[in-house]
N, C-alpha and C. Protein backbone atom coordinates (compact mmCIF):
# COMPACT_ATOMS: atom_id res chain seq x y z
N UNK A 1 -6.06 105.56 -15.44
CA UNK A 1 -7.11 107.38 -15.25
C UNK A 1 -7.60 107.73 -15.69
N UNK A 2 -8.84 108.51 -14.85
CA UNK A 2 -9.27 109.05 -15.99
C UNK A 2 -10.72 110.66 -15.41
N UNK A 3 -9.60 110.52 -15.32
CA UNK A 3 -9.65 112.57 -14.82
C UNK A 3 -10.03 113.15 -15.98
N UNK A 4 -10.73 114.38 -14.92
CA UNK A 4 -11.20 115.62 -16.14
C UNK A 4 -11.27 115.18 -17.83
N UNK A 5 -12.09 113.97 -17.70
CA UNK A 5 -12.70 113.47 -19.13
C UNK A 5 -14.18 113.13 -18.87
N UNK A 6 -14.77 113.56 -20.32
CA UNK A 6 -16.59 113.36 -20.17
C UNK A 6 -16.43 111.65 -21.00
N UNK A 7 -16.88 111.02 -20.32
CA UNK A 7 -17.24 109.91 -20.71
C UNK A 7 -18.94 109.85 -21.07
N UNK A 8 -18.95 109.58 -22.04
CA UNK A 8 -20.48 109.24 -22.64
C UNK A 8 -21.08 107.91 -22.44
N UNK A 9 -22.12 107.85 -21.43
CA UNK A 9 -22.69 105.78 -21.18
C UNK A 9 -24.21 106.10 -22.33
N UNK A 10 -23.85 105.35 -23.30
CA UNK A 10 -25.41 104.97 -24.35
C UNK A 10 -25.07 103.70 -24.60
N UNK A 11 -25.92 103.16 -26.01
CA UNK A 11 -25.67 102.44 -27.13
C UNK A 11 -25.30 102.66 -27.91
N UNK A 12 -24.34 104.24 -28.25
CA UNK A 12 -23.79 103.97 -29.37
C UNK A 12 -23.88 103.94 -30.78
N UNK A 13 -26.09 103.96 -30.48
CA UNK A 13 -26.24 103.73 -32.28
C UNK A 13 -27.57 104.96 -32.36
N UNK A 14 -27.76 105.86 -33.48
CA UNK A 14 -28.42 106.97 -33.83
C UNK A 14 -29.91 106.21 -33.65
N UNK A 15 -30.38 106.84 -32.89
CA UNK A 15 -32.04 106.61 -32.55
C UNK A 15 -33.15 108.28 -33.46
N UNK A 16 -33.77 108.06 -33.59
CA UNK A 16 -35.06 109.03 -34.00
C UNK A 16 -35.96 108.75 -32.91
N UNK A 17 -36.18 109.83 -33.05
CA UNK A 17 -36.85 110.05 -31.95
C UNK A 17 -37.77 109.66 -31.98
N UNK A 18 -39.06 109.19 -32.72
CA UNK A 18 -39.85 108.42 -33.50
C UNK A 18 -39.66 107.02 -32.77
N UNK A 19 -38.19 106.32 -32.96
CA UNK A 19 -38.21 104.81 -32.47
C UNK A 19 -38.28 105.70 -31.10
N UNK A 20 -37.47 105.96 -30.70
CA UNK A 20 -37.18 106.18 -29.03
C UNK A 20 -38.23 106.44 -28.91
N UNK A 21 -39.27 106.99 -28.75
CA UNK A 21 -40.57 107.21 -28.11
C UNK A 21 -41.00 106.10 -28.02
N UNK A 22 -40.79 105.27 -28.83
CA UNK A 22 -42.10 104.05 -29.55
C UNK A 22 -41.45 102.78 -28.14
N UNK A 23 -39.98 103.25 -28.85
CA UNK A 23 -39.20 101.88 -27.29
C UNK A 23 -39.80 102.63 -25.81
N UNK A 24 -40.15 103.91 -25.74
CA UNK A 24 -40.28 104.14 -24.06
C UNK A 24 -41.75 104.54 -23.86
N UNK A 25 -42.94 104.62 -24.70
CA UNK A 25 -44.20 105.01 -24.87
C UNK A 25 -43.98 102.92 -24.60
N UNK A 26 -43.57 101.86 -25.13
CA UNK A 26 -44.28 100.76 -24.91
C UNK A 26 -43.80 99.94 -23.75
N UNK A 27 -42.25 100.85 -22.98
CA UNK A 27 -42.46 100.27 -21.61
C UNK A 27 -42.73 100.95 -20.58
N UNK A 28 -43.25 102.54 -20.76
CA UNK A 28 -43.92 103.43 -19.99
C UNK A 28 -45.40 104.29 -20.38
N UNK A 29 -46.07 103.48 -21.74
CA UNK A 29 -47.02 103.66 -22.07
C UNK A 29 -47.41 105.40 -21.86
N UNK A 30 -46.72 105.89 -22.32
CA UNK A 30 -46.78 107.57 -21.85
C UNK A 30 -46.49 107.98 -23.61
N UNK A 31 -47.20 109.07 -23.85
CA UNK A 31 -46.07 109.61 -25.61
C UNK A 31 -45.71 110.79 -25.14
N UNK A 32 -44.46 111.02 -26.18
CA UNK A 32 -43.71 112.19 -26.30
C UNK A 32 -44.84 113.38 -26.39
N UNK A 33 -44.35 114.39 -25.87
CA UNK A 33 -45.10 115.82 -25.79
C UNK A 33 -45.04 116.13 -27.19
N UNK A 34 -46.31 116.89 -28.13
CA UNK A 34 -45.64 117.54 -29.31
C UNK A 34 -45.16 118.64 -29.43
N UNK A 35 -45.08 119.26 -28.33
CA UNK A 35 -44.14 120.10 -28.70
C UNK A 35 -42.54 120.15 -28.64
N UNK A 36 -41.71 119.00 -28.80
CA UNK A 36 -40.37 118.42 -27.93
C UNK A 36 -40.30 118.75 -29.90
N UNK A 37 -38.75 119.05 -28.67
CA UNK A 37 -37.88 120.09 -30.06
C UNK A 37 -36.43 119.15 -30.75
N UNK A 38 -36.81 117.79 -29.74
CA UNK A 38 -35.27 117.00 -30.00
C UNK A 38 -35.76 116.30 -31.08
N UNK A 39 -34.94 115.84 -32.38
CA UNK A 39 -35.48 115.19 -33.68
C UNK A 39 -34.23 113.69 -33.67
N UNK A 40 -33.21 114.18 -33.06
CA UNK A 40 -31.91 112.64 -32.67
C UNK A 40 -31.31 112.23 -31.66
N UNK A 41 -31.31 111.57 -31.03
CA UNK A 41 -30.57 111.22 -29.92
C UNK A 41 -29.64 110.18 -29.98
N UNK A 42 -28.42 111.06 -29.81
CA UNK A 42 -26.94 109.83 -30.25
C UNK A 42 -26.17 109.99 -29.27
N UNK A 43 -25.75 108.73 -28.52
CA UNK A 43 -24.59 109.03 -27.17
C UNK A 43 -23.69 108.07 -28.70
N UNK A 44 -22.19 108.49 -27.97
CA UNK A 44 -20.45 107.92 -28.28
C UNK A 44 -19.94 107.36 -27.48
N UNK A 45 -20.45 106.29 -26.38
CA UNK A 45 -20.14 105.58 -25.69
C UNK A 45 -18.35 105.01 -26.01
N UNK A 46 -18.10 105.15 -26.50
CA UNK A 46 -16.91 104.73 -27.56
C UNK A 46 -15.79 104.77 -26.39
N UNK A 47 -15.97 105.95 -25.20
CA UNK A 47 -14.98 105.72 -24.42
C UNK A 47 -14.28 104.95 -23.07
N UNK A 48 -15.98 105.14 -22.70
CA UNK A 48 -16.07 103.57 -21.87
C UNK A 48 -15.62 102.00 -21.93
N UNK A 49 -15.90 101.97 -23.24
CA UNK A 49 -14.68 100.41 -22.80
C UNK A 49 -13.18 101.11 -23.02
N UNK A 50 -13.08 101.71 -23.47
CA UNK A 50 -10.89 101.89 -23.78
C UNK A 50 -10.86 102.78 -22.62
N UNK A 51 -11.56 103.46 -21.56
CA UNK A 51 -10.87 104.11 -20.91
C UNK A 51 -11.35 102.98 -19.23
N UNK A 52 -12.44 103.13 -19.67
CA UNK A 52 -12.73 102.51 -18.09
C UNK A 52 -13.84 100.49 -18.41
N UNK A 53 -13.33 100.54 -19.83
CA UNK A 53 -13.75 98.45 -19.30
C UNK A 53 -15.17 98.55 -19.66
N UNK A 54 -15.99 99.42 -19.54
CA UNK A 54 -17.71 99.10 -19.34
C UNK A 54 -18.21 99.01 -20.79
N UNK A 55 -18.38 98.38 -20.85
CA UNK A 55 -19.48 97.09 -22.04
C UNK A 55 -21.21 97.16 -21.46
N UNK A 56 -22.22 97.07 -22.70
CA UNK A 56 -22.82 97.02 -22.47
C UNK A 56 -23.78 96.09 -22.11
N UNK A 57 -24.30 95.35 -20.89
CA UNK A 57 -25.18 94.47 -20.95
C UNK A 57 -25.94 94.30 -20.51
N UNK A 58 -27.18 95.42 -20.99
CA UNK A 58 -28.92 95.36 -20.87
C UNK A 58 -29.30 96.18 -22.05
N UNK A 59 -30.81 95.69 -22.39
CA UNK A 59 -31.18 96.35 -23.75
C UNK A 59 -31.49 97.52 -23.21
N UNK A 60 -32.03 98.57 -24.21
CA UNK A 60 -32.84 99.74 -23.70
C UNK A 60 -33.36 99.41 -23.54
N UNK A 61 -34.23 98.72 -23.69
CA UNK A 61 -35.82 98.77 -23.59
C UNK A 61 -36.36 98.04 -21.35
N UNK A 62 -35.34 97.21 -21.93
CA UNK A 62 -35.41 96.44 -19.98
C UNK A 62 -34.68 97.49 -19.25
N UNK A 63 -33.42 98.20 -19.54
CA UNK A 63 -33.62 98.83 -18.60
C UNK A 63 -34.58 100.15 -18.83
N UNK A 64 -35.01 101.08 -19.60
CA UNK A 64 -35.84 101.30 -19.44
C UNK A 64 -36.95 101.33 -18.40
N UNK A 65 -37.53 99.61 -18.74
CA UNK A 65 -38.29 99.11 -17.81
C UNK A 65 -38.14 99.69 -16.46
N UNK A 66 -36.77 98.92 -16.25
CA UNK A 66 -36.01 99.57 -14.97
C UNK A 66 -36.22 100.27 -13.83
N UNK A 67 -35.65 101.80 -14.88
CA UNK A 67 -36.27 103.36 -14.60
C UNK A 67 -37.61 103.11 -14.13
N UNK A 68 -38.69 102.87 -15.06
CA UNK A 68 -39.62 103.70 -14.95
C UNK A 68 -40.60 102.67 -13.99
N UNK A 69 -40.09 101.32 -13.43
CA UNK A 69 -40.38 100.60 -12.07
C UNK A 69 -39.80 101.74 -11.28
N UNK A 70 -38.48 102.34 -11.02
CA UNK A 70 -38.28 102.96 -9.99
C UNK A 70 -39.19 104.38 -9.60
N UNK A 71 -39.11 104.73 -10.70
CA UNK A 71 -40.03 106.19 -10.75
C UNK A 71 -41.48 105.66 -10.38
N UNK A 72 -41.90 104.81 -11.06
CA UNK A 72 -43.04 104.98 -10.69
C UNK A 72 -43.18 104.22 -8.97
N UNK A 73 -42.58 103.96 -8.34
CA UNK A 73 -42.22 103.80 -7.08
C UNK A 73 -42.31 104.58 -6.47
N UNK A 74 -41.97 105.92 -6.57
CA UNK A 74 -40.51 107.02 -5.95
C UNK A 74 -41.63 108.16 -6.71
N UNK A 75 -43.19 107.84 -7.59
CA UNK A 75 -43.41 109.02 -8.64
C UNK A 75 -43.65 110.19 -7.72
N UNK A 76 -44.64 110.37 -5.96
CA UNK A 76 -44.68 111.80 -5.40
C UNK A 76 -43.61 112.57 -5.10
N UNK A 77 -42.30 111.89 -5.59
CA UNK A 77 -40.77 112.01 -5.23
C UNK A 77 -40.38 113.41 -6.29
N UNK A 78 -40.92 112.64 -7.59
CA UNK A 78 -40.35 112.86 -9.33
C UNK A 78 -41.37 113.33 -9.79
N UNK A 79 -42.92 113.63 -9.43
CA UNK A 79 -43.29 114.74 -10.81
C UNK A 79 -43.15 114.28 -11.62
N UNK A 80 -43.66 113.04 -12.10
CA UNK A 80 -42.85 112.99 -13.66
C UNK A 80 -43.51 113.59 -15.24
N UNK A 81 -45.20 113.24 -14.52
CA UNK A 81 -45.94 113.89 -15.49
C UNK A 81 -46.23 115.42 -15.62
N UNK A 82 -45.12 115.79 -15.17
CA UNK A 82 -44.71 117.22 -15.63
C UNK A 82 -43.30 117.31 -16.65
N UNK A 83 -42.55 116.17 -16.54
CA UNK A 83 -41.80 116.30 -17.89
C UNK A 83 -42.06 116.45 -19.30
N UNK A 84 -41.21 117.19 -19.75
CA UNK A 84 -40.64 117.59 -20.89
C UNK A 84 -40.11 117.47 -22.08
N UNK A 85 -39.29 116.57 -22.82
CA UNK A 85 -38.50 115.97 -23.55
C UNK A 85 -38.69 116.74 -24.36
C-alpha cells in the first residue's frame, strides 16, 4: 500500500539546465527563458520501483516529443508561449 507517500517519477540522473534545455529545444525548438533561476533538475525516482514496481520505459527525448505533440495539438488551450521555466 502506498497511501500518504510522496513518490517522484523521473530519470534519477542529475541534469544541468543547459543539458535539459538542449534536449527540450531539440524536441520543441524553443529556447529556455533568460530570466529562469533554475540551476539543476534532479528527480529521485527510487521509491517508484520499490513501492510501485514502476520502471522507466521511454527515453526523455521521446517522452518530451510526445508531450510536445500533445501540447501542440491542443495549443489553444495551453497558451504555451506564456510559460516560463
